[in-house]
Amino acid sequence: MNIGKTGTEGENRVANYLRKKGFSVIKRNYTCKYGEIDIIAQNTEYILFVEVKTRKQASLISGSEAVDAFKRARIIKTAEDFRGKTDCTLQPRFDVAEVTVFKKEDGKTGYKLHYISNAF
């Protein structure tokens, strides 16, 4: 499994999911001195800061468990940086998307998405 390619595929699937839910993806992989946010999206009510965790099916910890207190604090600081550089007045929301990669019976790669709204 190519980790970079798999992570990008997970982010692509989450971005498509958000678009289907009526959100506009306004930035991907936003970085600043505090950290990185995988996806920033918005609708008329919320601006979402989404952490995407892509894992193999047999991983020891889930994607949401990997977003510990230290990671959450970095995401919040990064979101504050982004909001300080834009004129966004929407209600912020912090979500986590868990993408599980597995092998289908036919040998092809499958993906399962578990989306956690307002995760922290």
PDB file of N, CA and C in Angstrom:
ATOM      1  N   MET A   1       0.849  -1.178   0.000  1.00  0.00           N
ATOM      2  CA  MET A   1       0.000   0.000   0.000  1.00  0.00           C
ATOM      3  C   MET A   1       0.886   1.230   0.000  1.00  0.00           C
ATOM      4  N   ASN A   2       0.702   2.096  -0.974  1.00  0.00           N
ATOM      5  CA  ASN A   2       1.413   3.363  -1.057  1.00  0.00           C
ATOM      6  C   ASN A   2       0.700   4.351  -0.143  1.00  0.00           C
ATOM      7  N   ILE A   3       1.332   4.713   0.961  1.00  0.00           N
ATOM      8  CA  ILE A   3       0.674   5.526   1.987  1.00  0.00           C
ATOM      9  C   ILE A   3       0.211   6.871   1.441  1.00  0.00           C
ATOM     10  N   GLY A   4       1.067   7.561   0.685  1.00  0.00           N
ATOM     11  CA  GLY A   4       0.686   8.867   0.135  1.00  0.00           C
ATOM     12  C   GLY A   4      -0.489   8.773  -0.812  1.00  0.00           C
ATOM     13  N   LYS A   5      -0.437   7.791  -1.695  1.00  0.00           N
ATOM     14  CA  LYS A   5      -1.519   7.601  -2.668  1.00  0.00           C
ATOM     15  C   LYS A   5      -2.823   7.201  -1.962  1.00  0.00           C
ATOM     16  N   THR A   6      -2.713   6.326  -0.974  1.00  0.00           N
ATOM     17  CA  THR A   6      -3.891   5.883  -0.235  1.00  0.00           C
ATOM     18  C   THR A   6      -4.504   7.038   0.546  1.00  0.00           C
ATOM     19  N   GLY A   7      -3.672   7.853   1.180  1.00  0.00           N
ATOM     20  CA  GLY A   7      -4.177   9.008   1.916  1.00  0.00           C
ATOM     21  C   GLY A   7      -4.866  10.003   1.007  1.00  0.00           C
ATOM     22  N   THR A   8      -4.298  10.243  -0.157  1.00  0.00           N
ATOM     23  CA  THR A   8      -4.912  11.154  -1.129  1.00  0.00           C
ATOM     24  C   THR A   8      -6.246  10.604  -1.600  1.00  0.00           C
ATOM     25  N   GLU A   9      -6.307   9.307  -1.843  1.00  0.00           N
ATOM     26  CA  GLU A   9      -7.573   8.691  -2.265  1.00  0.00           C
ATOM     27  C   GLU A   9      -8.628   8.834  -1.168  1.00  0.00           C
ATOM     28  N   GLY A  10      -8.222   8.653   0.073  1.00  0.00           N
ATOM     29  CA  GLY A  10      -9.149   8.851   1.189  1.00  0.00           C
ATOM     30  C   GLY A  10      -9.671  10.278   1.227  1.00  0.00           C
ATOM     31  N   GLU A  11      -8.788  11.246   1.061  1.00  0.00           N
ATOM     32  CA  GLU A  11      -9.198  12.657   1.051  1.00  0.00           C
ATOM     33  C   GLU A  11     -10.116  12.945  -0.132  1.00  0.00           C
ATOM     34  N   ASN A  12      -9.829  12.365  -1.289  1.00  0.00           N
ATOM     35  CA  ASN A  12     -10.700  12.564  -2.454  1.00  0.00           C
ATOM     36  C   ASN A  12     -12.105  12.046  -2.171  1.00  0.00           C
ATOM     37  N   ARG A  13     -12.197  10.903  -1.546  1.00  0.00           N
ATOM     38  CA  ARG A  13     -13.511  10.318  -1.241  1.00  0.00           C
ATOM     39  C   ARG A  13     -14.283  11.179  -0.238  1.00  0.00           C
ATOM     40  N   VAL A  14     -13.585  11.713   0.739  1.00  0.00           N
ATOM     41  CA  VAL A  14     -14.240  12.583   1.719  1.00  0.00           C
ATOM     42  C   VAL A  14     -14.686  13.888   1.051  1.00  0.00           C
ATOM     43  N   ALA A  15     -13.859  14.459   0.198  1.00  0.00           N
ATOM     44  CA  ALA A  15     -14.232  15.691  -0.511  1.00  0.00           C
ATOM     45  C   ALA A  15     -15.484  15.453  -1.360  1.00  0.00           C
ATOM     46  N   ASN A  16     -15.545  14.330  -2.043  1.00  0.00           N
ATOM     47  CA  ASN A  16     -16.733  14.002  -2.844  1.00  0.00           C
ATOM     48  C   ASN A  16     -17.965  13.815  -1.964  1.00  0.00           C
ATOM     49  N   TYR A  17     -17.792  13.172  -0.825  1.00  0.00           N
ATOM     50  CA  TYR A  17     -18.886  12.992   0.137  1.00  0.00           C
ATOM     51  C   TYR A  17     -19.436  14.350   0.581  1.00  0.00           C
ATOM     52  N   LEU A  18     -18.531  15.269   0.913  1.00  0.00           N
ATOM     53  CA  LEU A  18     -18.953  16.596   1.366  1.00  0.00           C
ATOM     54  C   LEU A  18     -19.694  17.346   0.263  1.00  0.00           C
ATOM     55  N   ARG A  19     -19.224  17.252  -0.963  1.00  0.00           N
ATOM     56  CA  ARG A  19     -19.911  17.908  -2.076  1.00  0.00           C
ATOM     57  C   ARG A  19     -21.330  17.358  -2.234  1.00  0.00           C
ATOM     58  N   LYS A  20     -21.483  16.057  -2.088  1.00  0.00           N
ATOM     59  CA  LYS A  20     -22.821  15.441  -2.186  1.00  0.00           C
ATOM     60  C   LYS A  20     -23.734  15.905  -1.062  1.00  0.00           C
ATOM     61  N   LYS A  21     -23.148  16.298   0.067  1.00  0.00           N
ATOM     62  CA  LYS A  21     -23.914  16.800   1.208  1.00  0.00           C
ATOM     63  C   LYS A  21     -24.175  18.304   1.110  1.00  0.00           C
ATOM     64  N   GLY A  22     -23.759  18.938   0.007  1.00  0.00           N
ATOM     65  CA  GLY A  22     -24.042  20.348  -0.215  1.00  0.00           C
ATOM     66  C   GLY A  22     -22.953  21.313   0.224  1.00  0.00           C
ATOM     67  N   PHE A  23     -21.785  20.799   0.556  1.00  0.00           N
ATOM     68  CA  PHE A  23     -20.681  21.662   0.958  1.00  0.00           C
ATOM     69  C   PHE A  23     -19.793  21.979  -0.240  1.00  0.00           C
ATOM     70  N   SER A  24     -19.165  23.134  -0.201  1.00  0.00           N
ATOM     71  CA  SER A  24     -18.148  23.498  -1.183  1.00  0.00           C
ATOM     72  C   SER A  24     -16.794  23.297  -0.528  1.00  0.00           C
ATOM     73  N   VAL A  25     -15.926  22.557  -1.186  1.00  0.00           N
ATOM     74  CA  VAL A  25     -14.569  22.386  -0.675  1.00  0.00           C
ATOM     75  C   VAL A  25     -13.786  23.619  -1.107  1.00  0.00           C
ATOM     76  N   ILE A  26     -13.327  24.385  -0.120  1.00  0.00           N
ATOM     77  CA  ILE A  26     -12.651  25.639  -0.452  1.00  0.00           C
ATOM     78  C   ILE A  26     -11.134  25.543  -0.353  1.00  0.00           C
ATOM     79  N   LYS A  27     -10.627  24.537   0.371  1.00  0.00           N
ATOM     80  CA  LYS A  27      -9.178  24.381   0.495  1.00  0.00           C
ATOM     81  C   LYS A  27      -8.870  22.948   0.915  1.00  0.00           C
ATOM     82  N   ARG A  28      -7.803  22.422   0.325  1.00  0.00           N
ATOM     83  CA  ARG A  28      -7.311  21.104   0.720  1.00  0.00           C
ATOM     84  C   ARG A  28      -5.866  21.245   1.145  1.00  0.00           C
ATOM     85  N   ASN A  29      -5.503  20.520   2.175  1.00  0.00           N
ATOM     86  CA  ASN A  29      -4.142  20.507   2.696  1.00  0.00           C
ATOM     87  C   ASN A  29      -3.630  21.905   3.035  1.00  0.00           C
ATOM     88  N   TYR A  30      -4.433  22.627   3.809  1.00  0.00           N
ATOM     89  CA  TYR A  30      -4.030  23.956   4.267  1.00  0.00           C
ATOM     90  C   TYR A  30      -2.947  23.794   5.330  1.00  0.00           C
ATOM     91  N   THR A  31      -1.831  24.463   5.137  1.00  0.00           N
ATOM     92  CA  THR A  31      -0.738  24.385   6.096  1.00  0.00           C
ATOM     93  C   THR A  31      -0.313  25.771   6.562  1.00  0.00           C
ATOM     94  N   CYS A  32       0.130  25.804   7.783  1.00  0.00           N
ATOM     95  CA  CYS A  32       0.722  27.010   8.363  1.00  0.00           C
ATOM     96  C   CYS A  32       1.709  26.530   9.428  1.00  0.00           C
ATOM     97  N   LYS A  33       2.253  27.428  10.194  1.00  0.00           N
ATOM     98  CA  LYS A  33       3.268  27.037  11.172  1.00  0.00           C
ATOM     99  C   LYS A  33       2.720  26.140  12.280  1.00  0.00           C
ATOM    100  N   TYR A  34       1.400  26.102  12.451  1.00  0.00           N
ATOM    101  CA  TYR A  34       0.804  25.300  13.516  1.00  0.00           C
ATOM    102  C   TYR A  34       0.515  23.868  13.096  1.00  0.00           C
ATOM    103  N   GLY A  35       0.306  23.654  11.803  1.00  0.00           N
ATOM    104  CA  GLY A  35      -0.017  22.313  11.350  1.00  0.00           C
ATOM    105  C   GLY A  35      -0.705  22.321  10.002  1.00  0.00           C
ATOM    106  N   GLU A  36      -1.519  21.285   9.783  1.00  0.00           N
ATOM    107  CA  GLU A  36      -2.189  21.107   8.502  1.00  0.00           C
ATOM    108  C   GLU A  36      -3.621  20.653   8.730  1.00  0.00           C
ATOM    109  N   ILE A  37      -4.500  21.110   7.860  1.00  0.00           N
ATOM    110  CA  ILE A  37      -5.892  20.648   7.843  1.00  0.00           C
ATOM    111  C   ILE A  37      -6.132  20.031   6.480  1.00  0.00           C
ATOM    112  N   ASP A  38      -6.647  18.811   6.481  1.00  0.00           N
ATOM    113  CA  ASP A  38      -6.819  18.073   5.232  1.00  0.00           C
ATOM    114  C   ASP A  38      -7.839  18.719   4.305  1.00  0.00           C
ATOM    115  N   ILE A  39      -9.009  19.048   4.837  1.00  0.00           N
ATOM    116  CA  ILE A  39     -10.076  19.627   4.007  1.00  0.00           C
ATOM    117  C   ILE A  39     -10.760  20.751   4.773  1.00  0.00           C
ATOM    118  N   ILE A  40     -10.956  21.868   4.089  1.00  0.00           N
ATOM    119  CA  ILE A  40     -11.780  22.963   4.614  1.00  0.00           C
ATOM    120  C   ILE A  40     -12.935  23.117   3.639  1.00  0.00           C
ATOM    121  N   ALA A  41     -14.150  23.038   4.172  1.00  0.00           N
ATOM    122  CA  ALA A  41     -15.347  23.115   3.331  1.00  0.00           C
ATOM    123  C   ALA A  41     -16.365  24.016   4.022  1.00  0.00           C
ATOM    124  N   GLN A  42     -17.339  24.473   3.239  1.00  0.00           N
ATOM    125  CA  GLN A  42     -18.364  25.330   3.836  1.00  0.00           C
ATOM    126  C   GLN A  42     -19.695  25.139   3.132  1.00  0.00           C
ATOM    127  N   ASN A  43     -20.753  25.474   3.877  1.00  0.00           N
ATOM    128  CA  ASN A  43     -22.080  25.651   3.297  1.00  0.00           C
ATOM    129  C   ASN A  43     -22.573  26.994   3.812  1.00  0.00           C
ATOM    130  N   THR A  44     -23.842  27.225   3.827  1.00  0.00           N
ATOM    131  CA  THR A  44     -24.346  28.533   4.259  1.00  0.00           C
ATOM    132  C   THR A  44     -24.304  28.710   5.771  1.00  0.00           C
ATOM    133  N   GLU A  45     -24.117  27.622   6.506  1.00  0.00           N
ATOM    134  CA  GLU A  45     -24.154  27.680   7.969  1.00  0.00           C
ATOM    135  C   GLU A  45     -22.796  27.445   8.634  1.00  0.00           C
ATOM    136  N   TYR A  46     -22.016  26.504   8.107  1.00  0.00           N
ATOM    137  CA  TYR A  46     -20.775  26.074   8.756  1.00  0.00           C
ATOM    138  C   TYR A  46     -19.559  26.197   7.858  1.00  0.00           C
ATOM    139  N   ILE A  47     -18.423  26.388   8.525  1.00  0.00           N
ATOM    140  CA  ILE A  47     -17.138  26.142   7.874  1.00  0.00           C
ATOM    141  C   ILE A  47     -16.567  24.911   8.578  1.00  0.00           C
ATOM    142  N   LEU A  48     -16.252  23.895   7.794  1.00  0.00           N
ATOM    143  CA  LEU A  48     -15.770  22.633   8.337  1.00  0.00           C
ATOM    144  C   LEU A  48     -14.256  22.551   8.230  1.00  0.00           C
ATOM    145  N   PHE A  49     -13.648  22.071   9.293  1.00  0.00           N
ATOM    146  CA  PHE A  49     -12.236  21.750   9.306  1.00  0.00           C
ATOM    147  C   PHE A  49     -12.179  20.240   9.527  1.00  0.00           C
ATOM    148  N   VAL A  50     -11.798  19.522   8.474  1.00  0.00           N
ATOM    149  CA  VAL A  50     -11.935  18.070   8.472  1.00  0.00           C
ATOM    150  C   VAL A  50     -10.564  17.393   8.480  1.00  0.00           C
ATOM    151  N   GLU A  51     -10.378  16.539   9.457  1.00  0.00           N
ATOM    152  CA  GLU A  51      -9.189  15.693   9.530  1.00  0.00           C
ATOM    153  C   GLU A  51      -9.564  14.334   8.949  1.00  0.00           C
ATOM    154  N   VAL A  52      -8.828  13.904   7.937  1.00  0.00           N
ATOM    155  CA  VAL A  52      -9.093  12.627   7.283  1.00  0.00           C
ATOM    156  C   VAL A  52      -8.032  11.626   7.729  1.00  0.00           C
ATOM    157  N   LYS A  53      -8.484  10.486   8.216  1.00  0.00           N
ATOM    158  CA  LYS A  53      -7.581   9.416   8.627  1.00  0.00           C
ATOM    159  C   LYS A  53      -7.915   8.176   7.808  1.00  0.00           C
ATOM    160  N   THR A  54      -6.979   7.755   6.984  1.00  0.00           N
ATOM    161  CA  THR A  54      -7.161   6.573   6.148  1.00  0.00           C
ATOM    162  C   THR A  54      -6.331   5.441   6.735  1.00  0.00           C
ATOM    163  N   ARG A  55      -6.991   4.313   6.969  1.00  0.00           N
ATOM    164  CA  ARG A  55      -6.352   3.172   7.618  1.00  0.00           C
ATOM    165  C   ARG A  55      -6.707   1.874   6.905  1.00  0.00           C
ATOM    166  N   LYS A  56      -5.828   0.885   7.050  1.00  0.00           N
ATOM    167  CA  LYS A  56      -6.161  -0.469   6.611  1.00  0.00           C
ATOM    168  C   LYS A  56      -7.182  -1.050   7.592  1.00  0.00           C
ATOM    169  N   GLN A  57      -7.924  -2.012   7.125  1.00  0.00           N
ATOM    170  CA  GLN A  57      -8.992  -2.610   7.920  1.00  0.00           C
ATOM    171  C   GLN A  57      -8.482  -3.184   9.244  1.00  0.00           C
ATOM    172  N   ALA A  58      -7.313  -3.731   9.273  1.00  0.00           N
ATOM    173  CA  ALA A  58      -6.796  -4.382  10.477  1.00  0.00           C
ATOM    174  C   ALA A  58      -5.939  -3.460  11.349  1.00  0.00           C
ATOM    175  N   SER A  59      -6.086  -2.167  11.214  1.00  0.00           N
ATOM    176  CA  SER A  59      -5.262  -1.228  11.993  1.00  0.00           C
ATOM    177  C   SER A  59      -5.553  -1.360  13.487  1.00  0.00           C
ATOM    178  N   LEU A  60      -4.533  -1.101  14.281  1.00  0.00           N
ATOM    179  CA  LEU A  60      -4.672  -1.239  15.731  1.00  0.00           C
ATOM    180  C   LEU A  60      -5.555  -0.170  16.353  1.00  0.00           C
ATOM    181  N   ILE A  61      -5.492   1.050  15.813  1.00  0.00           N
ATOM    182  CA  ILE A  61      -6.348   2.113  16.333  1.00  0.00           C
ATOM    183  C   ILE A  61      -7.164   2.713  15.185  1.00  0.00           C
ATOM    184  N   SER A  62      -8.315   3.213  15.538  1.00  0.00           N
ATOM    185  CA  SER A  62      -9.174   3.833  14.521  1.00  0.00           C
ATOM    186  C   SER A  62      -8.651   5.222  14.174  1.00  0.00           C
ATOM    187  N   GLY A  63      -9.166   5.760  13.101  1.00  0.00           N
ATOM    188  CA  GLY A  63      -8.776   7.099  12.693  1.00  0.00           C
ATOM    189  C   GLY A  63      -9.120   8.139  13.747  1.00  0.00           C
ATOM    190  N   SER A  64     -10.296   8.013  14.338  1.00  0.00           N
ATOM    191  CA  SER A  64     -10.699   9.000  15.344  1.00  0.00           C
ATOM    192  C   SER A  64      -9.829   8.908  16.595  1.00  0.00           C
ATOM    193  N   GLU A  65      -9.390   7.708  16.951  1.00  0.00           N
ATOM    194  CA  GLU A  65      -8.492   7.561  18.095  1.00  0.00           C
ATOM    195  C   GLU A  65      -7.134   8.206  17.828  1.00  0.00           C
ATOM    196  N   ALA A  66      -6.749   8.274  16.573  1.00  0.00           N
ATOM    197  CA  ALA A  66      -5.470   8.886  16.204  1.00  0.00           C
ATOM    198  C   ALA A  66      -5.500  10.407  16.335  1.00  0.00           C
ATOM    199  N   VAL A  67      -6.684  10.977  16.410  1.00  0.00           N
ATOM    200  CA  VAL A  67      -6.818  12.428  16.581  1.00  0.00           C
ATOM    201  C   VAL A  67      -6.880  12.704  18.083  1.00  0.00           C
ATOM    202  N   ASP A  68      -5.715  12.670  18.711  1.00  0.00           N
ATOM    203  CA  ASP A  68      -5.615  12.838  20.153  1.00  0.00           C
ATOM    204  C   ASP A  68      -5.653  14.324  20.532  1.00  0.00           C
ATOM    205  N   ALA A  69      -5.519  14.598  21.807  1.00  0.00           N
ATOM    206  CA  ALA A  69      -5.606  15.982  22.305  1.00  0.00           C
ATOM    207  C   ALA A  69      -4.557  16.884  21.658  1.00  0.00           C
ATOM    208  N   PHE A  70      -3.348  16.390  21.486  1.00  0.00           N
ATOM    209  CA  PHE A  70      -2.290  17.179  20.850  1.00  0.00           C
ATOM    210  C   PHE A  70      -2.666  17.515  19.407  1.00  0.00           C
ATOM    211  N   LYS A  71      -3.153  16.530  18.656  1.00  0.00           N
ATOM    212  CA  LYS A  71      -3.548  16.737  17.259  1.00  0.00           C
ATOM    213  C   LYS A  71      -4.731  17.700  17.188  1.00  0.00           C
ATOM    214  N   ARG A  72      -5.713  17.549  18.063  1.00  0.00           N
ATOM    215  CA  ARG A  72      -6.874  18.453  18.076  1.00  0.00           C
ATOM    216  C   ARG A  72      -6.438  19.896  18.318  1.00  0.00           C
ATOM    217  N   ALA A  73      -5.520  20.099  19.258  1.00  0.00           N
ATOM    218  CA  ALA A  73      -5.041  21.458  19.558  1.00  0.00           C
ATOM    219  C   ALA A  73      -4.356  22.068  18.339  1.00  0.00           C
ATOM    220  N   ARG A  74      -3.576  21.271  17.614  1.00  0.00           N
ATOM    221  CA  ARG A  74      -2.905  21.772  16.400  1.00  0.00           C
ATOM    222  C   ARG A  74      -3.920  22.118  15.314  1.00  0.00           C
ATOM    223  N   ILE A  75      -4.942  21.303  15.174  1.00  0.00           N
ATOM    224  CA  ILE A  75      -5.980  21.571  14.175  1.00  0.00           C
ATOM    225  C   ILE A  75      -6.719  22.863  14.518  1.00  0.00           C
ATOM    226  N   ILE A  76      -7.039  23.041  15.781  1.00  0.00           N
ATOM    227  CA  ILE A  76      -7.746  24.257  16.209  1.00  0.00           C
ATOM    228  C   ILE A  76      -6.889  25.495  15.951  1.00  0.00           C
ATOM    229  N   LYS A  77      -5.600  25.434  16.291  1.00  0.00           N
ATOM    230  CA  LYS A  77      -4.708  26.582  16.038  1.00  0.00           C
ATOM    231  C   LYS A  77      -4.591  26.856  14.539  1.00  0.00           C
ATOM    232  N   THR A  78      -4.527  25.811  13.734  1.00  0.00           N
ATOM    233  CA  THR A  78      -4.432  25.967  12.281  1.00  0.00           C
ATOM    234  C   THR A  78      -5.720  26.575  11.736  1.00  0.00           C
ATOM    235  N   ALA A  79      -6.860  26.150  12.274  1.00  0.00           N
ATOM    236  CA  ALA A  79      -8.149  26.715  11.856  1.00  0.00           C
ATOM    237  C   ALA A  79      -8.227  28.192  12.234  1.00  0.00           C
ATOM    238  N   GLU A  80      -7.738  28.552  13.410  1.00  0.00           N
ATOM    239  CA  GLU A  80      -7.711  29.959  13.816  1.00  0.00           C
ATOM    240  C   GLU A  80      -6.839  30.775  12.866  1.00  0.00           C
ATOM    241  N   ASP A  81      -5.720  30.204  12.453  1.00  0.00           N
ATOM    242  CA  ASP A  81      -4.852  30.878  11.495  1.00  0.00           C
ATOM    243  C   ASP A  81      -5.588  31.114  10.182  1.00  0.00           C
ATOM    244  N   PHE A  82      -6.265  30.087   9.681  1.00  0.00           N
ATOM    245  CA  PHE A  82      -7.017  30.207   8.433  1.00  0.00           C
ATOM    246  C   PHE A  82      -8.104  31.275   8.557  1.00  0.00           C
ATOM    247  N   ARG A  83      -8.870  31.212   9.632  1.00  0.00           N
ATOM    248  CA  ARG A  83      -9.962  32.182   9.812  1.00  0.00           C
ATOM    249  C   ARG A  83      -9.431  33.605   9.952  1.00  0.00           C
ATOM    250  N   GLY A  84      -8.260  33.754  10.555  1.00  0.00           N
ATOM    251  CA  GLY A  84      -7.655  35.077  10.687  1.00  0.00           C
ATOM    252  C   GLY A  84      -7.210  35.670   9.360  1.00  0.00           C
ATOM    253  N   LYS A  85      -6.990  34.816   8.367  1.00  0.00           N
ATOM    254  CA  LYS A  85      -6.547  35.270   7.048  1.00  0.00           C
ATOM    255  C   LYS A  85      -7.691  35.398   6.052  1.00  0.00           C
ATOM    256  N   THR A  86      -8.905  35.088   6.480  1.00  0.00           N
ATOM    257  CA  THR A  86     -10.081  35.179   5.608  1.00  0.00           C
ATOM    258  C   THR A  86     -11.152  36.007   6.305  1.00  0.00           C
ATOM    259  N   ASP A  87     -12.194  36.317   5.564  1.00  0.00           N
ATOM    260  CA  ASP A  87     -13.293  37.079   6.161  1.00  0.00           C
ATOM    261  C   ASP A  87     -14.470  36.177   6.516  1.00  0.00           C
ATOM    262  N   CYS A  88     -14.205  34.915   6.762  1.00  0.00           N
ATOM    263  CA  CYS A  88     -15.246  33.942   7.056  1.00  0.00           C
ATOM    264  C   CYS A  88     -15.875  34.206   8.429  1.00  0.00           C
ATOM    265  N   THR A  89     -17.197  34.294   8.467  1.00  0.00           N
ATOM    266  CA  THR A  89     -17.918  34.491   9.720  1.00  0.00           C
ATOM    267  C   THR A  89     -18.827  33.308  10.043  1.00  0.00           C
ATOM    268  N   LEU A  90     -18.693  32.222   9.298  1.00  0.00           N
ATOM    269  CA  LEU A  90     -19.513  31.040   9.524  1.00  0.00           C
ATOM    270  C   LEU A  90     -19.116  30.337  10.825  1.00  0.00           C
ATOM    271  N   GLN A  91     -20.048  29.586  11.375  1.00  0.00           N
ATOM    272  CA  GLN A  91     -19.798  28.797  12.579  1.00  0.00           C
ATOM    273  C   GLN A  91     -18.790  27.691  12.263  1.00  0.00           C
ATOM    274  N   PRO A  92     -17.670  27.628  12.992  1.00  0.00           N
ATOM    275  CA  PRO A  92     -16.703  26.568  12.718  1.00  0.00           C
ATOM    276  C   PRO A  92     -17.170  25.221  13.285  1.00  0.00           C
ATOM    277  N   ARG A  93     -16.786  24.158  12.594  1.00  0.00           N
ATOM    278  CA  ARG A  93     -17.078  22.803  13.059  1.00  0.00           C
ATOM    279  C   ARG A  93     -15.867  21.934  12.740  1.00  0.00           C
ATOM    280  N   PHE A  94     -15.514  21.083  13.679  1.00  0.00           N
ATOM    281  CA  PHE A  94     -14.352  20.205  13.527  1.00  0.00           C
ATOM    282  C   PHE A  94     -14.842  18.769  13.391  1.00  0.00           C
ATOM    283  N   ASP A  95     -14.580  18.183  12.225  1.00  0.00           N
ATOM    284  CA  ASP A  95     -15.044  16.846  11.897  1.00  0.00           C
ATOM    285  C   ASP A  95     -13.851  15.921  11.665  1.00  0.00           C
ATOM    286  N   VAL A  96     -14.104  14.628  11.822  1.00  0.00           N
ATOM    287  CA  VAL A  96     -13.108  13.608  11.520  1.00  0.00           C
ATOM    288  C   VAL A  96     -13.737  12.617  10.557  1.00  0.00           C
ATOM    289  N   ALA A  97     -13.005  12.284   9.516  1.00  0.00           N
ATOM    290  CA  ALA A  97     -13.461  11.290   8.549  1.00  0.00           C
ATOM    291  C   ALA A  97     -12.513  10.098   8.611  1.00  0.00           C
ATOM    292  N   GLU A  98     -13.064   8.940   8.915  1.00  0.00           N
ATOM    293  CA  GLU A  98     -12.291   7.708   8.933  1.00  0.00           C
ATOM    294  C   GLU A  98     -12.551   6.974   7.625  1.00  0.00           C
ATOM    295  N   VAL A  99     -11.506   6.710   6.886  1.00  0.00           N
ATOM    296  CA  VAL A  99     -11.616   5.946   5.646  1.00  0.00           C
ATOM    297  C   VAL A  99     -10.871   4.629   5.867  1.00  0.00           C
ATOM    298  N   THR A 100     -11.593   3.534   5.725  1.00  0.00           N
ATOM    299  CA  THR A 100     -11.004   2.209   5.902  1.00  0.00           C
ATOM    300  C   THR A 100     -10.804   1.572   4.533  1.00  0.00           C
ATOM    301  N   VAL A 101      -9.598   1.110   4.300  1.00  0.00           N
ATOM    302  CA  VAL A 101      -9.241   0.469   3.033  1.00  0.00           C
ATOM    303  C   VAL A 101      -9.272  -1.041   3.257  1.00  0.00           C
ATOM    304  N   PHE A 102      -9.914  -1.759   2.326  1.00  0.00           N
ATOM    305  CA  PHE A 102      -9.982  -3.216   2.449  1.00  0.00           C
ATOM    306  C   PHE A 102      -9.952  -3.853   1.065  1.00  0.00           C
ATOM    307  N   LYS A 103      -9.681  -5.135   1.049  1.00  0.00           N
ATOM    308  CA  LYS A 103      -9.689  -5.901  -0.201  1.00  0.00           C
ATOM    309  C   LYS A 103     -11.059  -6.539  -0.368  1.00  0.00           C
ATOM    310  N   LYS A 104     -11.663  -6.315  -1.532  1.00  0.00           N
ATOM    311  CA  LYS A 104     -12.931  -6.940  -1.860  1.00  0.00           C
ATOM    312  C   LYS A 104     -12.687  -8.402  -2.252  1.00  0.00           C
ATOM    313  N   GLU A 105     -13.761  -9.161  -2.319  1.00  0.00           N
ATOM    314  CA  GLU A 105     -13.649 -10.575  -2.703  1.00  0.00           C
ATOM    315  C   GLU A 105     -13.035 -10.747  -4.087  1.00  0.00           C
ATOM    316  N   ASP A 106     -13.280  -9.782  -4.967  1.00  0.00           N
ATOM    317  CA  ASP A 106     -12.730  -9.880  -6.325  1.00  0.00           C
ATOM    318  C   ASP A 106     -11.272  -9.402  -6.405  1.00  0.00           C
ATOM    319  N   GLY A 107     -10.682  -9.044  -5.252  1.00  0.00           N
ATOM    320  CA  GLY A 107      -9.293  -8.614  -5.214  1.00  0.00           C
ATOM    321  C   GLY A 107      -9.079  -7.123  -5.368  1.00  0.00           C
ATOM    322  N   LYS A 108     -10.129  -6.402  -5.727  1.00  0.00           N
ATOM    323  CA  LYS A 108     -10.014  -4.955  -5.884  1.00  0.00           C
ATOM    324  C   LYS A 108     -10.034  -4.273  -4.518  1.00  0.00           C
ATOM    325  N   THR A 109      -9.574  -3.029  -4.506  1.00  0.00           N
ATOM    326  CA  THR A 109      -9.548  -2.249  -3.277  1.00  0.00           C
ATOM    327  C   THR A 109     -10.905  -1.609  -3.038  1.00  0.00           C
ATOM    328  N   GLY A 110     -11.389  -1.722  -1.805  1.00  0.00           N
ATOM    329  CA  GLY A 110     -12.638  -1.083  -1.410  1.00  0.00           C
ATOM    330  C   GLY A 110     -12.374  -0.043  -0.338  1.00  0.00           C
ATOM    331  N   TYR A 111     -13.319   0.882  -0.197  1.00  0.00           N
ATOM    332  CA  TYR A 111     -13.190   1.949   0.785  1.00  0.00           C
ATOM    333  C   TYR A 111     -14.502   2.081   1.557  1.00  0.00           C
ATOM    334  N   LYS A 112     -14.381   2.250   2.854  1.00  0.00           N
ATOM    335  CA  LYS A 112     -15.548   2.471   3.708  1.00  0.00           C
ATOM    336  C   LYS A 112     -15.333   3.789   4.442  1.00  0.00           C
ATOM    337  N   LEU A 113     -16.340   4.656   4.404  1.00  0.00           N
ATOM    338  CA  LEU A 113     -16.236   5.976   5.032  1.00  0.00           C
ATOM    339  C   LEU A 113     -17.120   6.036   6.274  1.00  0.00           C
ATOM    340  N   HIS A 114     -16.511   6.464   7.365  1.00  0.00           N
ATOM    341  CA  HIS A 114     -17.252   6.759   8.608  1.00  0.00           C
ATOM    342  C   HIS A 114     -16.979   8.221   8.913  1.00  0.00           C
ATOM    343  N   TYR A 115     -18.025   9.048   8.796  1.00  0.00           N
ATOM    344  CA  TYR A 115     -17.855  10.491   8.951  1.00  0.00           C
ATOM    345  C   TYR A 115     -18.417  10.913  10.301  1.00  0.00           C
ATOM    346  N   ILE A 116     -17.591  11.609  11.084  1.00  0.00           N
ATOM    347  CA  ILE A 116     -17.973  12.043  12.429  1.00  0.00           C
ATOM    348  C   ILE A 116     -18.101  13.557  12.430  1.00  0.00           C
ATOM    349  N   SER A 117     -19.327  14.041  12.439  1.00  0.00           N
ATOM    350  CA  SER A 117     -19.583  15.486  12.499  1.00  0.00           C
ATOM    351  C   SER A 117     -19.381  15.987  13.922  1.00  0.00           C
ATOM    352  N   ASN A 118     -18.845  17.188  14.030  1.00  0.00           N
ATOM    353  CA  ASN A 118     -18.646  17.828  15.330  1.00  0.00           C
ATOM    354  C   ASN A 118     -17.872  16.903  16.280  1.00  0.00           C
ATOM    355  N   ALA A 119     -16.784  16.348  15.789  1.00  0.00           N
ATOM    356  CA  ALA A 119     -16.004  15.359  16.518  1.00  0.00           C
ATOM    357  C   ALA A 119     -15.331  15.927  17.764  1.00  0.00           C
ATOM    358  N   PHE A 120     -14.997  17.203  17.719  1.00  0.00           N
ATOM    359  CA  PHE A 120     -14.397  17.855  18.898  1.00  0.00           C
ATOM    360  C   PHE A 120     -14.628  19.336  18.862  1.00  0.00           C
TER     361      PHE A 120
END
